[in-house]
Amino acid sequence: MLHVIVTMNIKPGRLDDFLALARQLAPLVHAEQGCIRYDYTLDTASPLSIQGEIDDHRVTLIEQWESPAALAAHLQAPHMKQYGPAMGALRTGEVSARVTRPIDGV
């Protein structure tokens, strides 16, 4: 299994447009073979003392895939090629991604 954490900053005033596209895309991704989780999230206040500054324009996408092959297929899916450019145009260009795997026995 793989975990993918993507953090992106959305242009000011464009968050609603971005989320409208995300709401259309997410069900298509959830239906993909090998998709376990595909959730868009927003920063929120919490009691964690180590939490960084909340950014109202930051969206974090949390994904889980059964395998590297499933993730690779996802990246080539027609709906990703359809929605990707439109969603990318709403971002500031600041995007980071981390791919992790579970640790056995923990």
N, C-alpha and C. Protein backbone atom coordinates (compact mmCIF):
# COMPACT_ATOMS: atom_id res chain seq x y z
N MET A 1 0.84 -1.17 0.00
CA MET A 1 0.00 0.00 0.00
C MET A 1 0.89 1.24 0.00
N LEU A 2 0.41 2.27 -0.67
CA LEU A 2 1.09 3.56 -0.70
C LEU A 2 0.17 4.64 -0.16
N HIS A 3 0.76 5.61 0.52
CA HIS A 3 0.07 6.82 0.94
C HIS A 3 0.66 7.96 0.14
N VAL A 4 -0.19 8.83 -0.36
CA VAL A 4 0.26 10.00 -1.10
C VAL A 4 -0.35 11.22 -0.42
N ILE A 5 0.50 12.18 -0.06
CA ILE A 5 0.05 13.41 0.56
C ILE A 5 0.48 14.55 -0.33
N VAL A 6 -0.48 15.24 -0.91
CA VAL A 6 -0.21 16.34 -1.83
C VAL A 6 -0.71 17.63 -1.18
N THR A 7 0.16 18.61 -1.09
CA THR A 7 -0.22 19.91 -0.54
C THR A 7 -0.13 20.94 -1.65
N MET A 8 -1.19 21.73 -1.78
CA MET A 8 -1.23 22.73 -2.85
C MET A 8 -1.86 24.01 -2.34
N ASN A 9 -1.43 25.11 -2.86
CA ASN A 9 -1.98 26.42 -2.53
C ASN A 9 -2.84 26.89 -3.68
N ILE A 10 -4.05 27.33 -3.32
CA ILE A 10 -5.02 27.77 -4.32
C ILE A 10 -4.99 29.29 -4.41
N LYS A 11 -5.13 29.79 -5.63
CA LYS A 11 -5.11 31.24 -5.84
C LYS A 11 -6.21 31.91 -5.02
N PRO A 12 -5.93 33.09 -4.47
CA PRO A 12 -6.96 33.81 -3.71
C PRO A 12 -8.23 34.00 -4.53
N GLY A 13 -9.36 33.75 -3.90
CA GLY A 13 -10.65 33.91 -4.55
C GLY A 13 -11.06 32.76 -5.46
N ARG A 14 -10.23 31.73 -5.57
CA ARG A 14 -10.52 30.62 -6.49
C ARG A 14 -10.79 29.28 -5.78
N LEU A 15 -10.83 29.29 -4.43
CA LEU A 15 -11.02 28.04 -3.70
C LEU A 15 -12.34 27.37 -4.06
N ASP A 16 -13.43 28.12 -4.15
CA ASP A 16 -14.72 27.52 -4.49
C ASP A 16 -14.68 26.87 -5.86
N ASP A 17 -14.02 27.50 -6.82
CA ASP A 17 -13.90 26.93 -8.17
C ASP A 17 -13.10 25.63 -8.12
N PHE A 18 -12.01 25.65 -7.35
CA PHE A 18 -11.17 24.46 -7.22
C PHE A 18 -11.97 23.32 -6.59
N LEU A 19 -12.68 23.61 -5.51
CA LEU A 19 -13.43 22.57 -4.82
C LEU A 19 -14.59 22.03 -5.66
N ALA A 20 -15.17 22.87 -6.50
CA ALA A 20 -16.23 22.39 -7.41
C ALA A 20 -15.66 21.33 -8.36
N LEU A 21 -14.47 21.56 -8.88
CA LEU A 21 -13.82 20.57 -9.74
C LEU A 21 -13.44 19.32 -8.94
N ALA A 22 -12.93 19.52 -7.73
CA ALA A 22 -12.55 18.38 -6.88
C ALA A 22 -13.76 17.50 -6.59
N ARG A 23 -14.91 18.10 -6.38
CA ARG A 23 -16.14 17.33 -6.10
C ARG A 23 -16.57 16.51 -7.33
N GLN A 24 -16.24 16.98 -8.51
CA GLN A 24 -16.54 16.21 -9.73
C GLN A 24 -15.52 15.09 -9.94
N LEU A 25 -14.26 15.39 -9.66
CA LEU A 25 -13.19 14.43 -9.90
C LEU A 25 -13.17 13.29 -8.88
N ALA A 26 -13.37 13.60 -7.61
CA ALA A 26 -13.20 12.60 -6.55
C ALA A 26 -14.00 11.31 -6.77
N PRO A 27 -15.27 11.36 -7.15
CA PRO A 27 -15.98 10.09 -7.36
C PRO A 27 -15.39 9.24 -8.48
N LEU A 28 -14.83 9.88 -9.50
CA LEU A 28 -14.21 9.15 -10.59
C LEU A 28 -12.96 8.43 -10.10
N VAL A 29 -12.20 9.10 -9.25
CA VAL A 29 -10.98 8.49 -8.71
C VAL A 29 -11.35 7.38 -7.73
N HIS A 30 -12.34 7.61 -6.88
CA HIS A 30 -12.76 6.58 -5.92
C HIS A 30 -13.16 5.28 -6.64
N ALA A 31 -13.65 5.40 -7.85
CA ALA A 31 -14.09 4.23 -8.63
C ALA A 31 -12.93 3.49 -9.29
N GLU A 32 -11.74 4.06 -9.27
CA GLU A 32 -10.59 3.42 -9.90
C GLU A 32 -10.17 2.16 -9.13
N GLN A 33 -9.74 1.17 -9.88
CA GLN A 33 -9.22 -0.04 -9.27
C GLN A 33 -7.97 0.30 -8.47
N GLY A 34 -7.93 -0.14 -7.23
CA GLY A 34 -6.77 0.08 -6.39
C GLY A 34 -6.83 1.33 -5.53
N CYS A 35 -7.86 2.16 -5.71
CA CYS A 35 -8.00 3.36 -4.89
C CYS A 35 -8.64 2.98 -3.56
N ILE A 36 -7.96 3.30 -2.48
CA ILE A 36 -8.48 3.05 -1.14
C ILE A 36 -9.03 4.34 -0.55
N ARG A 37 -8.34 5.44 -0.79
CA ARG A 37 -8.74 6.73 -0.23
C ARG A 37 -8.28 7.83 -1.17
N TYR A 38 -9.13 8.85 -1.30
CA TYR A 38 -8.81 10.02 -2.12
C TYR A 38 -9.63 11.17 -1.57
N ASP A 39 -9.08 11.90 -0.60
CA ASP A 39 -9.83 12.91 0.14
C ASP A 39 -9.13 14.26 0.09
N TYR A 40 -9.87 15.29 -0.34
CA TYR A 40 -9.40 16.65 -0.28
C TYR A 40 -9.71 17.20 1.10
N THR A 41 -8.75 17.88 1.72
CA THR A 41 -8.94 18.43 3.05
C THR A 41 -8.46 19.88 3.11
N LEU A 42 -8.99 20.61 4.10
CA LEU A 42 -8.60 22.00 4.34
C LEU A 42 -8.02 22.12 5.74
N ASP A 43 -7.10 23.04 5.93
CA ASP A 43 -6.56 23.31 7.25
C ASP A 43 -7.69 23.65 8.21
N THR A 44 -7.55 23.21 9.45
CA THR A 44 -8.53 23.55 10.48
C THR A 44 -7.83 23.68 11.83
N ALA A 45 -8.40 24.47 12.69
CA ALA A 45 -7.82 24.67 14.02
C ALA A 45 -7.92 23.38 14.81
N SER A 46 -6.93 23.18 15.69
CA SER A 46 -6.92 21.99 16.54
C SER A 46 -6.19 22.31 17.84
N PRO A 47 -6.26 21.40 18.81
CA PRO A 47 -5.52 21.62 20.06
C PRO A 47 -4.05 21.20 19.98
N LEU A 48 -3.57 20.77 18.82
CA LEU A 48 -2.18 20.35 18.70
C LEU A 48 -1.22 21.53 18.81
N SER A 49 -0.30 21.46 19.73
CA SER A 49 0.64 22.55 19.91
C SER A 49 1.68 22.61 18.80
N ILE A 50 1.87 21.51 18.09
CA ILE A 50 2.87 21.48 17.02
C ILE A 50 2.31 21.87 15.66
N GLN A 51 1.01 22.17 15.61
CA GLN A 51 0.39 22.53 14.34
C GLN A 51 0.94 23.85 13.83
N GLY A 52 1.24 23.88 12.55
CA GLY A 52 1.70 25.10 11.91
C GLY A 52 0.57 26.08 11.68
N GLU A 53 0.90 27.17 11.04
CA GLU A 53 -0.08 28.21 10.75
C GLU A 53 -1.15 27.70 9.80
N ILE A 54 -2.39 28.05 10.08
CA ILE A 54 -3.51 27.66 9.22
C ILE A 54 -3.53 28.59 8.01
N ASP A 55 -3.68 27.99 6.84
CA ASP A 55 -3.72 28.74 5.59
C ASP A 55 -5.05 28.43 4.91
N ASP A 56 -5.90 29.42 4.76
CA ASP A 56 -7.23 29.23 4.16
C ASP A 56 -7.19 28.90 2.68
N HIS A 57 -6.02 29.00 2.06
CA HIS A 57 -5.88 28.70 0.64
C HIS A 57 -5.10 27.41 0.39
N ARG A 58 -4.80 26.67 1.45
CA ARG A 58 -4.03 25.42 1.31
C ARG A 58 -5.00 24.24 1.32
N VAL A 59 -4.87 23.40 0.31
CA VAL A 59 -5.64 22.16 0.22
C VAL A 59 -4.65 21.00 0.30
N THR A 60 -4.98 20.02 1.11
CA THR A 60 -4.16 18.82 1.22
C THR A 60 -4.99 17.65 0.72
N LEU A 61 -4.43 16.92 -0.22
CA LEU A 61 -5.06 15.74 -0.78
C LEU A 61 -4.40 14.52 -0.15
N ILE A 62 -5.21 13.67 0.47
CA ILE A 62 -4.71 12.47 1.12
C ILE A 62 -5.21 11.27 0.33
N GLU A 63 -4.26 10.49 -0.19
CA GLU A 63 -4.59 9.34 -1.03
C GLU A 63 -4.01 8.06 -0.44
N GLN A 64 -4.66 6.94 -0.71
CA GLN A 64 -4.11 5.62 -0.43
C GLN A 64 -4.38 4.75 -1.65
N TRP A 65 -3.34 4.03 -2.04
CA TRP A 65 -3.42 3.15 -3.21
C TRP A 65 -2.94 1.76 -2.82
N GLU A 66 -3.55 0.76 -3.42
CA GLU A 66 -3.19 -0.63 -3.11
C GLU A 66 -1.75 -0.95 -3.52
N SER A 67 -1.25 -0.30 -4.56
CA SER A 67 0.08 -0.66 -5.09
C SER A 67 0.64 0.49 -5.92
N PRO A 68 1.95 0.45 -6.18
CA PRO A 68 2.53 1.43 -7.10
C PRO A 68 1.89 1.36 -8.49
N ALA A 69 1.51 0.17 -8.92
CA ALA A 69 0.87 0.02 -10.24
C ALA A 69 -0.47 0.74 -10.28
N ALA A 70 -1.23 0.65 -9.18
CA ALA A 70 -2.53 1.34 -9.12
C ALA A 70 -2.33 2.85 -9.18
N LEU A 71 -1.32 3.35 -8.48
CA LEU A 71 -1.03 4.78 -8.53
C LEU A 71 -0.60 5.19 -9.94
N ALA A 72 0.22 4.40 -10.57
CA ALA A 72 0.67 4.71 -11.94
C ALA A 72 -0.51 4.74 -12.90
N ALA A 73 -1.43 3.79 -12.76
CA ALA A 73 -2.62 3.76 -13.63
C ALA A 73 -3.48 5.00 -13.37
N HIS A 74 -3.60 5.39 -12.12
CA HIS A 74 -4.37 6.58 -11.77
C HIS A 74 -3.83 7.81 -12.50
N LEU A 75 -2.53 7.95 -12.52
CA LEU A 75 -1.93 9.12 -13.15
C LEU A 75 -2.20 9.19 -14.65
N GLN A 76 -2.49 8.05 -15.26
CA GLN A 76 -2.77 8.00 -16.70
C GLN A 76 -4.26 7.99 -17.02
N ALA A 77 -5.11 8.00 -15.99
CA ALA A 77 -6.56 7.92 -16.21
C ALA A 77 -7.05 9.12 -17.00
N PRO A 78 -8.00 8.90 -17.92
CA PRO A 78 -8.51 10.01 -18.74
C PRO A 78 -9.05 11.18 -17.92
N HIS A 79 -9.72 10.88 -16.80
CA HIS A 79 -10.28 11.98 -16.00
C HIS A 79 -9.18 12.81 -15.34
N MET A 80 -8.02 12.20 -15.07
CA MET A 80 -6.92 12.99 -14.52
C MET A 80 -6.38 13.95 -15.57
N LYS A 81 -6.30 13.48 -16.79
CA LYS A 81 -5.84 14.34 -17.89
C LYS A 81 -6.87 15.42 -18.21
N GLN A 82 -8.15 15.13 -17.97
CA GLN A 82 -9.21 16.09 -18.22
C GLN A 82 -9.24 17.18 -17.15
N TYR A 83 -9.22 16.78 -15.88
CA TYR A 83 -9.36 17.73 -14.78
C TYR A 83 -8.03 18.39 -14.39
N GLY A 84 -6.92 17.71 -14.60
CA GLY A 84 -5.64 18.21 -14.14
C GLY A 84 -5.31 19.63 -14.59
N PRO A 85 -5.40 19.94 -15.87
CA PRO A 85 -5.05 21.30 -16.31
C PRO A 85 -5.96 22.37 -15.72
N ALA A 86 -7.25 22.10 -15.63
CA ALA A 86 -8.18 23.09 -15.08
C ALA A 86 -7.90 23.34 -13.61
N MET A 87 -7.63 22.28 -12.87
CA MET A 87 -7.33 22.43 -11.45
C MET A 87 -5.97 23.09 -11.26
N GLY A 88 -5.02 22.74 -12.10
CA GLY A 88 -3.70 23.34 -12.03
C GLY A 88 -3.74 24.84 -12.25
N ALA A 89 -4.63 25.30 -13.10
CA ALA A 89 -4.74 26.72 -13.40
C ALA A 89 -5.25 27.51 -12.20
N LEU A 90 -5.86 26.82 -11.24
CA LEU A 90 -6.41 27.48 -10.05
C LEU A 90 -5.42 27.49 -8.89
N ARG A 91 -4.30 26.81 -9.05
CA ARG A 91 -3.28 26.75 -8.01
C ARG A 91 -2.26 27.87 -8.23
N THR A 92 -1.55 28.20 -7.15
CA THR A 92 -0.49 29.22 -7.25
C THR A 92 0.76 28.65 -7.89
N GLY A 93 0.82 27.35 -8.05
CA GLY A 93 2.01 26.71 -8.58
C GLY A 93 2.80 26.02 -7.49
N GLU A 94 2.51 26.35 -6.25
CA GLU A 94 3.19 25.73 -5.11
C GLU A 94 2.52 24.40 -4.78
N VAL A 95 3.13 23.31 -5.20
CA VAL A 95 2.59 21.98 -4.94
C VAL A 95 3.72 21.10 -4.44
N SER A 96 3.44 20.32 -3.40
CA SER A 96 4.43 19.34 -2.94
C SER A 96 3.72 18.01 -2.74
N ALA A 97 4.47 16.94 -2.89
CA ALA A 97 3.91 15.60 -2.72
C ALA A 97 4.89 14.73 -1.95
N ARG A 98 4.33 13.88 -1.14
CA ARG A 98 5.12 12.86 -0.43
C ARG A 98 4.42 11.54 -0.64
N VAL A 99 5.19 10.51 -0.95
CA VAL A 99 4.66 9.15 -1.08
C VAL A 99 5.33 8.32 -0.01
N THR A 100 4.50 7.66 0.80
CA THR A 100 5.02 6.86 1.90
C THR A 100 4.41 5.48 1.87
N ARG A 101 5.02 4.57 2.64
CA ARG A 101 4.50 3.22 2.76
C ARG A 101 4.37 2.89 4.24
N PRO A 102 3.46 1.99 4.60
CA PRO A 102 3.34 1.60 6.00
C PRO A 102 4.60 0.89 6.48
N ILE A 103 4.85 0.95 7.77
CA ILE A 103 5.95 0.24 8.39
C ILE A 103 5.38 -1.04 9.01
N ASP A 104 5.93 -2.18 8.61
CA ASP A 104 5.44 -3.45 9.11
C ASP A 104 5.49 -3.50 10.63
N GLY A 105 4.41 -3.98 11.23
CA GLY A 105 4.37 -4.19 12.68
C GLY A 105 4.10 -2.96 13.51
N VAL A 106 3.85 -1.83 12.87
CA VAL A 106 3.60 -0.61 13.64
C VAL A 106 2.18 -0.13 13.36
